[in-house]
């Protein structure tokens, strides 16, 4: 019973980050039907590669469980109360079409070069 349960939970958890990162990185992925089509194609491709390369096991239930896990997180992230909380924590943009920036990057220091300090080596 332990192996089927770990297989079930593993398949559901494995691709859950896609539900977070795809909509954040690619604006079109915020639309449900495009997201569904994309992740379905990815999961079918993974299973097809397992079949072609004879590594792992190629199962339809893997595709369905991966879809269930990914779509459940996608749906949870669409809950308005959770979206408000994530916006307060600066993990989601205020405007729906704004790019997501979670952590501001520090500015890089400028390294002086021979051309910028006025000296020329001849």
PDB file of N, CA and C in Angstrom:
ATOM      1  N   UNK A   1       0.823  -1.200   0.000  1.00  0.00           N
ATOM      2  CA  UNK A   1       0.000   0.000   0.000  1.00  0.00           C
ATOM      3  C   UNK A   1       0.861   1.256   0.000  1.00  0.00           C
ATOM      4  N   UNK A   2       2.098   1.145   0.521  1.00  0.00           N
ATOM      5  CA  UNK A   2       2.966   2.313   0.627  1.00  0.00           C
ATOM      6  C   UNK A   2       3.414   2.820  -0.746  1.00  0.00           C
ATOM      7  N   UNK A   3       3.750   1.916  -1.660  1.00  0.00           N
ATOM      8  CA  UNK A   3       4.231   2.322  -2.980  1.00  0.00           C
ATOM      9  C   UNK A   3       3.130   2.987  -3.802  1.00  0.00           C
ATOM     10  N   UNK A   4       1.917   2.426  -3.891  1.00  0.00           N
ATOM     11  CA  UNK A   4       0.874   3.130  -4.651  1.00  0.00           C
ATOM     12  C   UNK A   4       0.539   4.504  -4.072  1.00  0.00           C
ATOM     13  N   UNK A   5       0.563   4.639  -2.755  1.00  0.00           N
ATOM     14  CA  UNK A   5       0.263   5.929  -2.139  1.00  0.00           C
ATOM     15  C   UNK A   5       1.350   6.949  -2.459  1.00  0.00           C
ATOM     16  N   UNK A   6       2.613   6.540  -2.392  1.00  0.00           N
ATOM     17  CA  UNK A   6       3.695   7.471  -2.723  1.00  0.00           C
ATOM     18  C   UNK A   6       3.666   7.828  -4.204  1.00  0.00           C
ATOM     19  N   UNK A   7       3.280   6.889  -5.060  1.00  0.00           N
ATOM     20  CA  UNK A   7       3.131   7.164  -6.487  1.00  0.00           C
ATOM     21  C   UNK A   7       2.020   8.179  -6.716  1.00  0.00           C
ATOM     22  N   UNK A   8       0.913   8.008  -6.020  1.00  0.00           N
ATOM     23  CA  UNK A   8      -0.225   8.918  -6.146  1.00  0.00           C
ATOM     24  C   UNK A   8       0.156  10.330  -5.712  1.00  0.00           C
ATOM     25  N   UNK A   9       0.735  10.453  -4.533  1.00  0.00           N
ATOM     26  CA  UNK A   9       1.109  11.771  -4.000  1.00  0.00           C
ATOM     27  C   UNK A   9       2.241  12.379  -4.827  1.00  0.00           C
ATOM     28  N   UNK A  10       3.204  11.567  -5.215  1.00  0.00           N
ATOM     29  CA  UNK A  10       4.322  12.065  -6.015  1.00  0.00           C
ATOM     30  C   UNK A  10       3.879  12.630  -7.346  1.00  0.00           C
ATOM     31  N   UNK A  11       2.977  11.932  -8.025  1.00  0.00           N
ATOM     32  CA  UNK A  11       2.474  12.424  -9.305  1.00  0.00           C
ATOM     33  C   UNK A  11       1.702  13.727  -9.144  1.00  0.00           C
ATOM     34  N   UNK A  12       0.990  13.866  -8.043  1.00  0.00           N
ATOM     35  CA  UNK A  12       0.222  15.093  -7.840  1.00  0.00           C
ATOM     36  C   UNK A  12       1.135  16.266  -7.483  1.00  0.00           C
ATOM     37  N   UNK A  13       2.208  16.020  -6.744  1.00  0.00           N
ATOM     38  CA  UNK A  13       3.090  17.097  -6.288  1.00  0.00           C
ATOM     39  C   UNK A  13       4.151  17.502  -7.310  1.00  0.00           C
ATOM     40  N   UNK A  14       4.513  16.590  -8.185  1.00  0.00           N
ATOM     41  CA  UNK A  14       5.658  16.791  -9.064  1.00  0.00           C
ATOM     42  C   UNK A  14       5.548  18.046  -9.929  1.00  0.00           C
ATOM     43  N   UNK A  15       4.407  18.261 -10.538  1.00  0.00           N
ATOM     44  CA  UNK A  15       4.265  19.372 -11.474  1.00  0.00           C
ATOM     45  C   UNK A  15       3.464  20.544 -10.913  1.00  0.00           C
ATOM     46  N   UNK A  16       3.171  20.541  -9.621  1.00  0.00           N
ATOM     47  CA  UNK A  16       2.437  21.659  -9.024  1.00  0.00           C
ATOM     48  C   UNK A  16       3.130  23.009  -9.213  1.00  0.00           C
ATOM     49  N   UNK A  17       4.455  23.084  -9.167  1.00  0.00           N
ATOM     50  CA  UNK A  17       5.087  24.395  -9.382  1.00  0.00           C
ATOM     51  C   UNK A  17       4.777  25.017 -10.743  1.00  0.00           C
ATOM     52  N   UNK A  18       4.432  24.192 -11.727  1.00  0.00           N
ATOM     53  CA  UNK A  18       4.056  24.751 -13.031  1.00  0.00           C
ATOM     54  C   UNK A  18       2.853  25.669 -12.904  1.00  0.00           C
ATOM     55  N   UNK A  19       1.944  25.347 -11.992  1.00  0.00           N
ATOM     56  CA  UNK A  19       0.743  26.163 -11.809  1.00  0.00           C
ATOM     57  C   UNK A  19       1.077  27.523 -11.231  1.00  0.00           C
ATOM     58  N   UNK A  20       2.214  27.629 -10.569  1.00  0.00           N
ATOM     59  CA  UNK A  20       2.636  28.910 -10.001  1.00  0.00           C
ATOM     60  C   UNK A  20       3.476  29.684 -11.010  1.00  0.00           C
ATOM     61  N   UNK A  21       4.458  29.025 -11.600  1.00  0.00           N
ATOM     62  CA  UNK A  21       5.442  29.736 -12.406  1.00  0.00           C
ATOM     63  C   UNK A  21       4.989  30.048 -13.829  1.00  0.00           C
ATOM     64  N   UNK A  22       4.249  29.165 -14.481  1.00  0.00           N
ATOM     65  CA  UNK A  22       3.813  29.461 -15.849  1.00  0.00           C
ATOM     66  C   UNK A  22       2.972  30.735 -15.926  1.00  0.00           C
ATOM     67  N   UNK A  23       1.940  30.904 -15.091  1.00  0.00           N
ATOM     68  CA  UNK A  23       1.170  32.155 -15.167  1.00  0.00           C
ATOM     69  C   UNK A  23       1.982  33.393 -14.772  1.00  0.00           C
ATOM     70  N   UNK A  24       2.956  33.231 -13.888  1.00  0.00           N
ATOM     71  CA  UNK A  24       3.778  34.381 -13.486  1.00  0.00           C
ATOM     72  C   UNK A  24       4.752  34.791 -14.582  1.00  0.00           C
ATOM     73  N   UNK A  25       5.316  33.824 -15.264  1.00  0.00           N
ATOM     74  CA  UNK A  25       6.339  34.119 -16.263  1.00  0.00           C
ATOM     75  C   UNK A  25       5.774  34.423 -17.643  1.00  0.00           C
ATOM     76  N   UNK A  26       4.633  33.843 -17.965  1.00  0.00           N
ATOM     77  CA  UNK A  26       4.039  34.018 -19.288  1.00  0.00           C
ATOM     78  C   UNK A  26       2.591  34.462 -19.133  1.00  0.00           C
ATOM     79  N   UNK A  27       2.306  35.697 -19.521  1.00  0.00           N
ATOM     80  CA  UNK A  27       0.958  36.254 -19.352  1.00  0.00           C
ATOM     81  C   UNK A  27      -0.149  35.415 -19.984  1.00  0.00           C
ATOM     82  N   UNK A  28       0.044  34.880 -21.193  1.00  0.00           N
ATOM     83  CA  UNK A  28      -1.041  34.082 -21.786  1.00  0.00           C
ATOM     84  C   UNK A  28      -1.425  32.859 -20.956  1.00  0.00           C
ATOM     85  N   UNK A  29      -0.507  32.366 -20.128  1.00  0.00           N
ATOM     86  CA  UNK A  29      -0.798  31.188 -19.307  1.00  0.00           C
ATOM     87  C   UNK A  29      -1.760  31.495 -18.162  1.00  0.00           C
ATOM     88  N   UNK A  30      -2.164  32.733 -18.005  1.00  0.00           N
ATOM     89  CA  UNK A  30      -3.143  33.078 -16.973  1.00  0.00           C
ATOM     90  C   UNK A  30      -4.557  32.704 -17.408  1.00  0.00           C
ATOM     91  N   UNK A  31      -4.719  32.403 -18.700  1.00  0.00           N
ATOM     92  CA  UNK A  31      -6.020  31.957 -19.212  1.00  0.00           C
ATOM     93  C   UNK A  31      -6.117  30.445 -19.025  1.00  0.00           C
ATOM     94  N   UNK A  32      -7.221  30.016 -18.432  1.00  0.00           N
ATOM     95  CA  UNK A  32      -7.371  28.613 -18.045  1.00  0.00           C
ATOM     96  C   UNK A  32      -7.194  27.652 -19.211  1.00  0.00           C
ATOM     97  N   UNK A  33      -7.863  27.899 -20.336  1.00  0.00           N
ATOM     98  CA  UNK A  33      -7.839  26.925 -21.429  1.00  0.00           C
ATOM     99  C   UNK A  33      -6.457  26.809 -22.061  1.00  0.00           C
ATOM    100  N   UNK A  34      -5.746  27.907 -22.162  1.00  0.00           N
ATOM    101  CA  UNK A  34      -4.395  27.845 -22.704  1.00  0.00           C
ATOM    102  C   UNK A  34      -3.455  27.131 -21.729  1.00  0.00           C
ATOM    103  N   UNK A  35      -3.635  27.405 -20.443  1.00  0.00           N
ATOM    104  CA  UNK A  35      -2.844  26.718 -19.419  1.00  0.00           C
ATOM    105  C   UNK A  35      -3.123  25.216 -19.464  1.00  0.00           C
ATOM    106  N   UNK A  36      -4.396  24.840 -19.538  1.00  0.00           N
ATOM    107  CA  UNK A  36      -4.780  23.427 -19.583  1.00  0.00           C
ATOM    108  C   UNK A  36      -4.168  22.728 -20.794  1.00  0.00           C
ATOM    109  N   UNK A  37      -4.249  23.355 -21.948  1.00  0.00           N
ATOM    110  CA  UNK A  37      -3.679  22.765 -23.163  1.00  0.00           C
ATOM    111  C   UNK A  37      -2.166  22.593 -23.036  1.00  0.00           C
ATOM    112  N   UNK A  38      -1.501  23.605 -22.525  1.00  0.00           N
ATOM    113  CA  UNK A  38      -0.041  23.557 -22.406  1.00  0.00           C
ATOM    114  C   UNK A  38       0.421  22.462 -21.455  1.00  0.00           C
ATOM    115  N   UNK A  39      -0.153  22.420 -20.257  1.00  0.00           N
ATOM    116  CA  UNK A  39       0.304  21.407 -19.294  1.00  0.00           C
ATOM    117  C   UNK A  39      -0.075  20.002 -19.755  1.00  0.00           C
ATOM    118  N   UNK A  40      -1.205  19.855 -20.415  1.00  0.00           N
ATOM    119  CA  UNK A  40      -1.582  18.538 -20.939  1.00  0.00           C
ATOM    120  C   UNK A  40      -0.564  18.066 -21.971  1.00  0.00           C
ATOM    121  N   UNK A  41      -0.173  18.962 -22.873  1.00  0.00           N
ATOM    122  CA  UNK A  41       0.833  18.594 -23.873  1.00  0.00           C
ATOM    123  C   UNK A  41       2.174  18.251 -23.226  1.00  0.00           C
ATOM    124  N   UNK A  42       2.547  18.980 -22.192  1.00  0.00           N
ATOM    125  CA  UNK A  42       3.805  18.685 -21.492  1.00  0.00           C
ATOM    126  C   UNK A  42       3.736  17.306 -20.842  1.00  0.00           C
ATOM    127  N   UNK A  43       2.628  17.009 -20.182  1.00  0.00           N
ATOM    128  CA  UNK A  43       2.505  15.722 -19.490  1.00  0.00           C
ATOM    129  C   UNK A  43       2.469  14.563 -20.474  1.00  0.00           C
ATOM    130  N   UNK A  44       1.775  14.723 -21.587  1.00  0.00           N
ATOM    131  CA  UNK A  44       1.729  13.668 -22.606  1.00  0.00           C
ATOM    132  C   UNK A  44       3.119  13.482 -23.218  1.00  0.00           C
ATOM    133  N   UNK A  45       3.848  14.583 -23.424  1.00  0.00           N
ATOM    134  CA  UNK A  45       5.206  14.486 -23.967  1.00  0.00           C
ATOM    135  C   UNK A  45       6.135  13.751 -23.000  1.00  0.00           C
ATOM    136  N   UNK A  46       6.004  14.019 -21.718  1.00  0.00           N
ATOM    137  CA  UNK A  46       6.832  13.323 -20.720  1.00  0.00           C
ATOM    138  C   UNK A  46       6.548  11.824 -20.755  1.00  0.00           C
ATOM    139  N   UNK A  47       5.284  11.464 -20.805  1.00  0.00           N
ATOM    140  CA  UNK A  47       4.929  10.039 -20.844  1.00  0.00           C
ATOM    141  C   UNK A  47       5.372   9.395 -22.154  1.00  0.00           C
ATOM    142  N   UNK A  48       5.267  10.120 -23.273  1.00  0.00           N
ATOM    143  CA  UNK A  48       5.716   9.582 -24.559  1.00  0.00           C
ATOM    144  C   UNK A  48       7.227   9.355 -24.553  1.00  0.00           C
ATOM    145  N   UNK A  49       7.964  10.273 -23.944  1.00  0.00           N
ATOM    146  CA  UNK A  49       9.413  10.088 -23.837  1.00  0.00           C
ATOM    147  C   UNK A  49       9.759   8.882 -22.976  1.00  0.00           C
ATOM    148  N   UNK A  50       9.004   8.666 -21.925  1.00  0.00           N
ATOM    149  CA  UNK A  50       9.244   7.480 -21.097  1.00  0.00           C
ATOM    150  C   UNK A  50       9.014   6.210 -21.905  1.00  0.00           C
ATOM    151  N   UNK A  51       8.011   6.226 -22.761  1.00  0.00           N
ATOM    152  CA  UNK A  51       7.723   5.061 -23.598  1.00  0.00           C
ATOM    153  C   UNK A  51       8.813   4.860 -24.649  1.00  0.00           C
ATOM    154  N   UNK A  52       9.201   5.947 -25.327  1.00  0.00           N
ATOM    155  CA  UNK A  52      10.203   5.843 -26.390  1.00  0.00           C
ATOM    156  C   UNK A  52      11.589   5.482 -25.867  1.00  0.00           C
ATOM    157  N   UNK A  53      11.946   6.014 -24.715  1.00  0.00           N
ATOM    158  CA  UNK A  53      13.279   5.767 -24.166  1.00  0.00           C
ATOM    159  C   UNK A  53      13.334   4.536 -23.262  1.00  0.00           C
ATOM    160  N   UNK A  54      12.192   3.902 -23.059  1.00  0.00           N
ATOM    161  CA  UNK A  54      12.091   2.707 -22.210  1.00  0.00           C
ATOM    162  C   UNK A  54      12.664   2.955 -20.817  1.00  0.00           C
ATOM    163  N   UNK A  55      12.343   4.111 -20.264  1.00  0.00           N
ATOM    164  CA  UNK A  55      12.745   4.405 -18.887  1.00  0.00           C
ATOM    165  C   UNK A  55      11.506   4.886 -18.140  1.00  0.00           C
ATOM    166  N   UNK A  56      11.375   4.462 -16.915  1.00  0.00           N
ATOM    167  CA  UNK A  56      10.175   4.815 -16.168  1.00  0.00           C
ATOM    168  C   UNK A  56       9.002   3.982 -16.642  1.00  0.00           C
ATOM    169  N   UNK A  57       7.816   4.407 -16.264  1.00  0.00           N
ATOM    170  CA  UNK A  57       6.619   3.696 -16.707  1.00  0.00           C
ATOM    171  C   UNK A  57       5.678   4.684 -17.369  1.00  0.00           C
ATOM    172  N   UNK A  58       5.171   4.300 -18.509  1.00  0.00           N
ATOM    173  CA  UNK A  58       4.255   5.148 -19.268  1.00  0.00           C
ATOM    174  C   UNK A  58       2.827   4.775 -18.878  1.00  0.00           C
ATOM    175  N   UNK A  59       2.171   5.637 -18.104  1.00  0.00           N
ATOM    176  CA  UNK A  59       0.811   5.367 -17.638  1.00  0.00           C
ATOM    177  C   UNK A  59      -0.087   6.565 -17.902  1.00  0.00           C
ATOM    178  N   UNK A  60      -1.320   6.273 -18.279  1.00  0.00           N
ATOM    179  CA  UNK A  60      -2.305   7.335 -18.458  1.00  0.00           C
ATOM    180  C   UNK A  60      -2.646   7.963 -17.112  1.00  0.00           C
ATOM    181  N   UNK A  61      -2.637   7.155 -16.056  1.00  0.00           N
ATOM    182  CA  UNK A  61      -2.976   7.715 -14.745  1.00  0.00           C
ATOM    183  C   UNK A  61      -1.945   8.747 -14.288  1.00  0.00           C
ATOM    184  N   UNK A  62      -0.696   8.646 -14.760  1.00  0.00           N
ATOM    185  CA  UNK A  62       0.298   9.675 -14.443  1.00  0.00           C
ATOM    186  C   UNK A  62      -0.125  11.022 -15.028  1.00  0.00           C
ATOM    187  N   UNK A  63      -0.582  11.004 -16.265  1.00  0.00           N
ATOM    188  CA  UNK A  63      -1.037  12.247 -16.904  1.00  0.00           C
ATOM    189  C   UNK A  63      -2.212  12.828 -16.127  1.00  0.00           C
ATOM    190  N   UNK A  64      -3.168  11.983 -15.763  1.00  0.00           N
ATOM    191  CA  UNK A  64      -4.356  12.467 -15.050  1.00  0.00           C
ATOM    192  C   UNK A  64      -4.011  13.001 -13.662  1.00  0.00           C
ATOM    193  N   UNK A  65      -3.141  12.310 -12.941  1.00  0.00           N
ATOM    194  CA  UNK A  65      -2.759  12.777 -11.603  1.00  0.00           C
ATOM    195  C   UNK A  65      -1.934  14.059 -11.669  1.00  0.00           C
ATOM    196  N   UNK A  66      -1.036  14.148 -12.650  1.00  0.00           N
ATOM    197  CA  UNK A  66      -0.274  15.386 -12.822  1.00  0.00           C
ATOM    198  C   UNK A  66      -1.210  16.547 -13.138  1.00  0.00           C
ATOM    199  N   UNK A  67      -2.183  16.297 -14.005  1.00  0.00           N
ATOM    200  CA  UNK A  67      -3.170  17.336 -14.336  1.00  0.00           C
ATOM    201  C   UNK A  67      -3.974  17.742 -13.114  1.00  0.00           C
ATOM    202  N   UNK A  68      -4.396  16.768 -12.334  1.00  0.00           N
ATOM    203  CA  UNK A  68      -5.183  17.074 -11.141  1.00  0.00           C
ATOM    204  C   UNK A  68      -4.391  17.947 -10.170  1.00  0.00           C
ATOM    205  N   UNK A  69      -3.138  17.588  -9.924  1.00  0.00           N
ATOM    206  CA  UNK A  69      -2.312  18.365  -9.004  1.00  0.00           C
ATOM    207  C   UNK A  69      -2.066  19.778  -9.504  1.00  0.00           C
ATOM    208  N   UNK A  70      -1.740  19.899 -10.780  1.00  0.00           N
ATOM    209  CA  UNK A  70      -1.443  21.212 -11.345  1.00  0.00           C
ATOM    210  C   UNK A  70      -2.686  22.086 -11.406  1.00  0.00           C
ATOM    211  N   UNK A  71      -3.800  21.526 -11.853  1.00  0.00           N
ATOM    212  CA  UNK A  71      -5.029  22.318 -11.963  1.00  0.00           C
ATOM    213  C   UNK A  71      -5.594  22.684 -10.598  1.00  0.00           C
ATOM    214  N   UNK A  72      -5.368  21.849  -9.596  1.00  0.00           N
ATOM    215  CA  UNK A  72      -5.858  22.204  -8.260  1.00  0.00           C
ATOM    216  C   UNK A  72      -5.109  23.421  -7.721  1.00  0.00           C
ATOM    217  N   UNK A  73      -3.799  23.483  -7.920  1.00  0.00           N
ATOM    218  CA  UNK A  73      -3.037  24.662  -7.482  1.00  0.00           C
ATOM    219  C   UNK A  73      -3.424  25.881  -8.309  1.00  0.00           C
ATOM    220  N   UNK A  74      -3.609  25.696  -9.615  1.00  0.00           N
ATOM    221  CA  UNK A  74      -4.036  26.803 -10.481  1.00  0.00           C
ATOM    222  C   UNK A  74      -5.367  27.364  -9.985  1.00  0.00           C
ATOM    223  N   UNK A  75      -6.301  26.478  -9.629  1.00  0.00           N
ATOM    224  CA  UNK A  75      -7.600  26.920  -9.115  1.00  0.00           C
ATOM    225  C   UNK A  75      -7.502  27.588  -7.756  1.00  0.00           C
ATOM    226  N   UNK A  76      -6.662  27.046  -6.884  1.00  0.00           N
ATOM    227  CA  UNK A  76      -6.485  27.642  -5.553  1.00  0.00           C
ATOM    228  C   UNK A  76      -5.926  29.055  -5.674  1.00  0.00           C
ATOM    229  N   UNK A  77      -4.999  29.257  -6.599  1.00  0.00           N
ATOM    230  CA  UNK A  77      -4.407  30.585  -6.775  1.00  0.00           C
ATOM    231  C   UNK A  77      -5.391  31.592  -7.367  1.00  0.00           C
ATOM    232  N   UNK A  78      -6.518  31.122  -7.884  1.00  0.00           N
ATOM    233  CA  UNK A  78      -7.539  32.022  -8.433  1.00  0.00           C
ATOM    234  C   UNK A  78      -8.553  32.461  -7.384  1.00  0.00           C
ATOM    235  N   UNK A  79      -8.457  31.955  -6.160  1.00  0.00           N
ATOM    236  CA  UNK A  79      -9.374  32.352  -5.084  1.00  0.00           C
ATOM    237  C   UNK A  79      -9.098  33.815  -4.734  1.00  0.00           C
ATOM    238  N   UNK A  80     -10.134  34.671  -4.778  1.00  0.00           N
ATOM    239  CA  UNK A  80      -9.921  36.109  -4.556  1.00  0.00           C
ATOM    240  C   UNK A  80      -9.249  36.453  -3.230  1.00  0.00           C
ATOM    241  N   UNK A  81      -9.626  35.800  -2.147  1.00  0.00           N
ATOM    242  CA  UNK A  81      -9.019  36.112  -0.844  1.00  0.00           C
ATOM    243  C   UNK A  81      -7.525  35.794  -0.850  1.00  0.00           C
ATOM    244  N   UNK A  82      -7.152  34.696  -1.475  1.00  0.00           N
ATOM    245  CA  UNK A  82      -5.742  34.328  -1.557  1.00  0.00           C
ATOM    246  C   UNK A  82      -4.985  35.297  -2.462  1.00  0.00           C
ATOM    247  N   UNK A  83      -5.624  35.734  -3.541  1.00  0.00           N
ATOM    248  CA  UNK A  83      -4.986  36.706  -4.425  1.00  0.00           C
ATOM    249  C   UNK A  83      -4.731  38.022  -3.700  1.00  0.00           C
ATOM    250  N   UNK A  84      -5.685  38.461  -2.868  1.00  0.00           N
ATOM    251  CA  UNK A  84      -5.486  39.697  -2.095  1.00  0.00           C
ATOM    252  C   UNK A  84      -4.308  39.542  -1.138  1.00  0.00           C
ATOM    253  N   UNK A  85      -4.214  38.395  -0.491  1.00  0.00           N
ATOM    254  CA  UNK A  85      -3.110  38.145   0.434  1.00  0.00           C
ATOM    255  C   UNK A  85      -1.768  38.146  -0.303  1.00  0.00           C
ATOM    256  N   UNK A  86      -1.709  37.490  -1.450  1.00  0.00           N
ATOM    257  CA  UNK A  86      -0.466  37.443  -2.218  1.00  0.00           C
ATOM    258  C   UNK A  86      -0.079  38.824  -2.740  1.00  0.00           C
ATOM    259  N   UNK A  87      -1.076  39.654  -3.055  1.00  0.00           N
ATOM    260  CA  UNK A  87      -0.781  41.024  -3.486  1.00  0.00           C
ATOM    261  C   UNK A  87      -0.241  41.848  -2.324  1.00  0.00           C
ATOM    262  N   UNK A  88      -0.773  41.636  -1.120  1.00  0.00           N
ATOM    263  CA  UNK A  88      -0.263  42.350   0.056  1.00  0.00           C
ATOM    264  C   UNK A  88       1.177  41.956   0.351  1.00  0.00           C
ATOM    265  N   UNK A  89       1.509  40.706   0.100  1.00  0.00           N
ATOM    266  CA  UNK A  89       2.868  40.215   0.332  1.00  0.00           C
ATOM    267  C   UNK A  89       3.789  40.477  -0.864  1.00  0.00           C
ATOM    268  N   UNK A  90       3.273  41.193  -1.866  1.00  0.00           N
ATOM    269  CA  UNK A  90       4.020  41.537  -3.082  1.00  0.00           C
ATOM    270  C   UNK A  90       4.449  40.309  -3.878  1.00  0.00           C
ATOM    271  N   UNK A  91       3.664  39.250  -3.806  1.00  0.00           N
ATOM    272  CA  UNK A  91       3.959  38.059  -4.593  1.00  0.00           C
ATOM    273  C   UNK A  91       3.140  38.007  -5.872  1.00  0.00           C
ATOM    274  N   UNK A  92       2.123  38.861  -5.969  1.00  0.00           N
ATOM    275  CA  UNK A  92       1.337  39.014  -7.188  1.00  0.00           C
ATOM    276  C   UNK A  92       1.279  40.492  -7.519  1.00  0.00           C
ATOM    277  N   UNK A  93       1.219  40.842  -8.810  1.00  0.00           N
ATOM    278  CA  UNK A  93       1.123  42.255  -9.169  1.00  0.00           C
ATOM    279  C   UNK A  93      -0.255  42.818  -8.835  1.00  0.00           C
ATOM    280  N   UNK A  94      -0.329  44.134  -8.609  1.00  0.00           N
ATOM    281  CA  UNK A  94      -1.605  44.790  -8.324  1.00  0.00           C
ATOM    282  C   UNK A  94      -2.517  44.765  -9.547  1.00  0.00           C
ATOM    283  N   UNK A  95      -1.940  44.997 -10.719  1.00  0.00           N
ATOM    284  CA  UNK A  95      -2.710  44.988 -11.958  1.00  0.00           C
ATOM    285  C   UNK A  95      -2.607  43.605 -12.586  1.00  0.00           C
ATOM    286  N   UNK A  96      -3.693  43.124 -13.187  1.00  0.00           N
ATOM    287  CA  UNK A  96      -3.672  41.762 -13.737  1.00  0.00           C
ATOM    288  C   UNK A  96      -2.647  41.549 -14.844  1.00  0.00           C
ATOM    289  N   UNK A  97      -2.340  42.587 -15.633  1.00  0.00           N
ATOM    290  CA  UNK A  97      -1.411  42.404 -16.747  1.00  0.00           C
ATOM    291  C   UNK A  97       0.000  42.871 -16.443  1.00  0.00           C
ATOM    292  N   UNK A  98       0.248  43.282 -15.211  1.00  0.00           N
ATOM    293  CA  UNK A  98       1.586  43.746 -14.851  1.00  0.00           C
ATOM    294  C   UNK A  98       2.521  42.554 -14.695  1.00  0.00           C
ATOM    295  N   UNK A  99       3.795  42.744 -15.017  1.00  0.00           N
ATOM    296  CA  UNK A  99       4.740  41.644 -14.807  1.00  0.00           C
ATOM    297  C   UNK A  99       4.948  41.393 -13.324  1.00  0.00           C
ATOM    298  N   UNK A 100       5.248  40.171 -12.992  1.00  0.00           N
ATOM    299  CA  UNK A 100       5.449  39.800 -11.597  1.00  0.00           C
ATOM    300  C   UNK A 100       6.913  40.021 -11.230  1.00  0.00           C
ATOM    301  N   UNK A 101       7.140  40.805 -10.195  1.00  0.00           N
ATOM    302  CA  UNK A 101       8.483  41.020  -9.669  1.00  0.00           C
ATOM    303  C   UNK A 101       8.399  40.810  -8.173  1.00  0.00           C
ATOM    304  N   UNK A 102       8.949  39.715  -7.696  1.00  0.00           N
ATOM    305  CA  UNK A 102       8.841  39.400  -6.276  1.00  0.00           C
ATOM    306  C   UNK A 102       9.936  40.063  -5.461  1.00  0.00           C
ATOM    307  N   UNK A 103      11.142  40.085  -5.974  1.00  0.00           N
ATOM    308  CA  UNK A 103      12.266  40.629  -5.214  1.00  0.00           C
ATOM    309  C   UNK A 103      13.015  41.624  -6.096  1.00  0.00           C
ATOM    310  N   UNK A 104      13.141  42.879  -5.657  1.00  0.00           N
ATOM    311  CA  UNK A 104      13.915  43.833  -6.461  1.00  0.00           C
ATOM    312  C   UNK A 104      15.399  43.476  -6.425  1.00  0.00           C
ATOM    313  N   UNK A 105      16.046  43.606  -7.553  1.00  0.00           N
ATOM    314  CA  UNK A 105      17.462  43.279  -7.649  1.00  0.00           C
ATOM    315  C   UNK A 105      18.302  44.502  -7.307  1.00  0.00           C
ATOM    316  N   UNK A 106      19.415  44.326  -6.611  1.00  0.00           N
ATOM    317  CA  UNK A 106      20.274  45.474  -6.313  1.00  0.00           C
ATOM    318  C   UNK A 106      20.966  45.955  -7.582  1.00  0.00           C
ATOM    319  N   UNK A 107      21.272  47.249  -7.602  1.00  0.00           N
ATOM    320  CA  UNK A 107      21.950  47.791  -8.773  1.00  0.00           C
ATOM    321  C   UNK A 107      23.404  47.344  -8.769  1.00  0.00           C
ATOM    322  N   UNK A 108      23.917  47.054  -9.951  1.00  0.00           N
ATOM    323  CA  UNK A 108      25.296  46.599 -10.082  1.00  0.00           C
ATOM    324  C   UNK A 108      26.239  47.799 -10.013  1.00  0.00           C
ATOM    325  N   UNK A 109      27.386  47.589  -9.402  1.00  0.00           N
ATOM    326  CA  UNK A 109      28.388  48.645  -9.338  1.00  0.00           C
ATOM    327  C   UNK A 109      29.105  48.741 -10.672  1.00  0.00           C
ATOM    328  N   UNK A 110      29.448  49.970 -11.054  1.00  0.00           N
ATOM    329  CA  UNK A 110      30.168  50.178 -12.300  1.00  0.00           C
ATOM    330  C   UNK A 110      31.658  50.024 -12.029  1.00  0.00           C
ATOM    331  N   UNK A 111      32.303  49.210 -12.813  1.00  0.00           N
ATOM    332  CA  UNK A 111      33.743  49.000 -12.688  1.00  0.00           C
ATOM    333  C   UNK A 111      34.437  49.980 -13.619  1.00  0.00           C
ATOM    334  N   UNK A 112      35.363  50.790 -13.099  1.00  0.00           N
ATOM    335  CA  UNK A 112      36.042  51.751 -13.976  1.00  0.00           C
ATOM    336  C   UNK A 112      36.914  51.030 -15.002  1.00  0.00           C
ATOM    337  N   UNK A 113      36.907  51.562 -16.201  1.00  0.00           N
ATOM    338  CA  UNK A 113      37.734  51.010 -17.273  1.00  0.00           C
ATOM    339  C   UNK A 113      38.770  52.049 -17.661  1.00  0.00           C
ATOM    340  N   UNK A 114      39.724  51.658 -18.475  1.00  0.00           N
ATOM    341  CA  UNK A 114      40.777  52.575 -18.912  1.00  0.00           C
ATOM    342  C   UNK A 114      40.192  53.731 -19.707  1.00  0.00           C
ATOM    343  N   UNK A 115      39.141  53.473 -20.471  1.00  0.00           N
ATOM    344  CA  UNK A 115      38.522  54.518 -21.284  1.00  0.00           C
ATOM    345  C   UNK A 115      37.740  55.502 -20.433  1.00  0.00           C
ATOM    346  N   UNK A 116      37.142  55.042 -19.343  1.00  0.00           N
ATOM    347  CA  UNK A 116      36.289  55.915 -18.544  1.00  0.00           C
ATOM    348  C   UNK A 116      37.069  56.802 -17.586  1.00  0.00           C
ATOM    349  N   UNK A 117      38.316  56.430 -17.204  1.00  0.00           N
ATOM    350  CA  UNK A 117      39.054  57.268 -16.261  1.00  0.00           C
ATOM    351  C   UNK A 117      39.969  58.276 -16.948  1.00  0.00           C
ATOM    352  N   UNK A 118      39.971  58.318 -18.253  1.00  0.00           N
ATOM    353  CA  UNK A 118      40.698  59.344 -18.986  1.00  0.00           C
ATOM    354  C   UNK A 118      42.119  58.964 -19.356  1.00  0.00           C
ATOM    355  N   UNK A 119      42.652  57.923 -18.795  1.00  0.00           N
ATOM    356  CA  UNK A 119      44.026  57.539 -19.137  1.00  0.00           C
ATOM    357  C   UNK A 119      44.011  56.603 -20.333  1.00  0.00           C
ATOM    358  N   UNK A 120      45.000  56.801 -21.170  1.00  0.00           N
ATOM    359  CA  UNK A 120      45.115  55.952 -22.346  1.00  0.00           C
ATOM    360  C   UNK A 120      46.479  55.287 -22.323  1.00  0.00           C
ATOM    361  N   UNK A 121      46.494  54.034 -22.618  1.00  0.00           N
ATOM    362  CA  UNK A 121      47.781  53.331 -22.660  1.00  0.00           C
ATOM    363  C   UNK A 121      48.225  53.190 -24.098  1.00  0.00           C
ATOM    364  N   UNK A 122      49.370  53.801 -24.418  1.00  0.00           N
ATOM    365  CA  UNK A 122      49.903  53.708 -25.780  1.00  0.00           C
ATOM    366  C   UNK A 122      51.308  53.238 -25.761  1.00  0.00           C
TER     367      UNK A 122
END
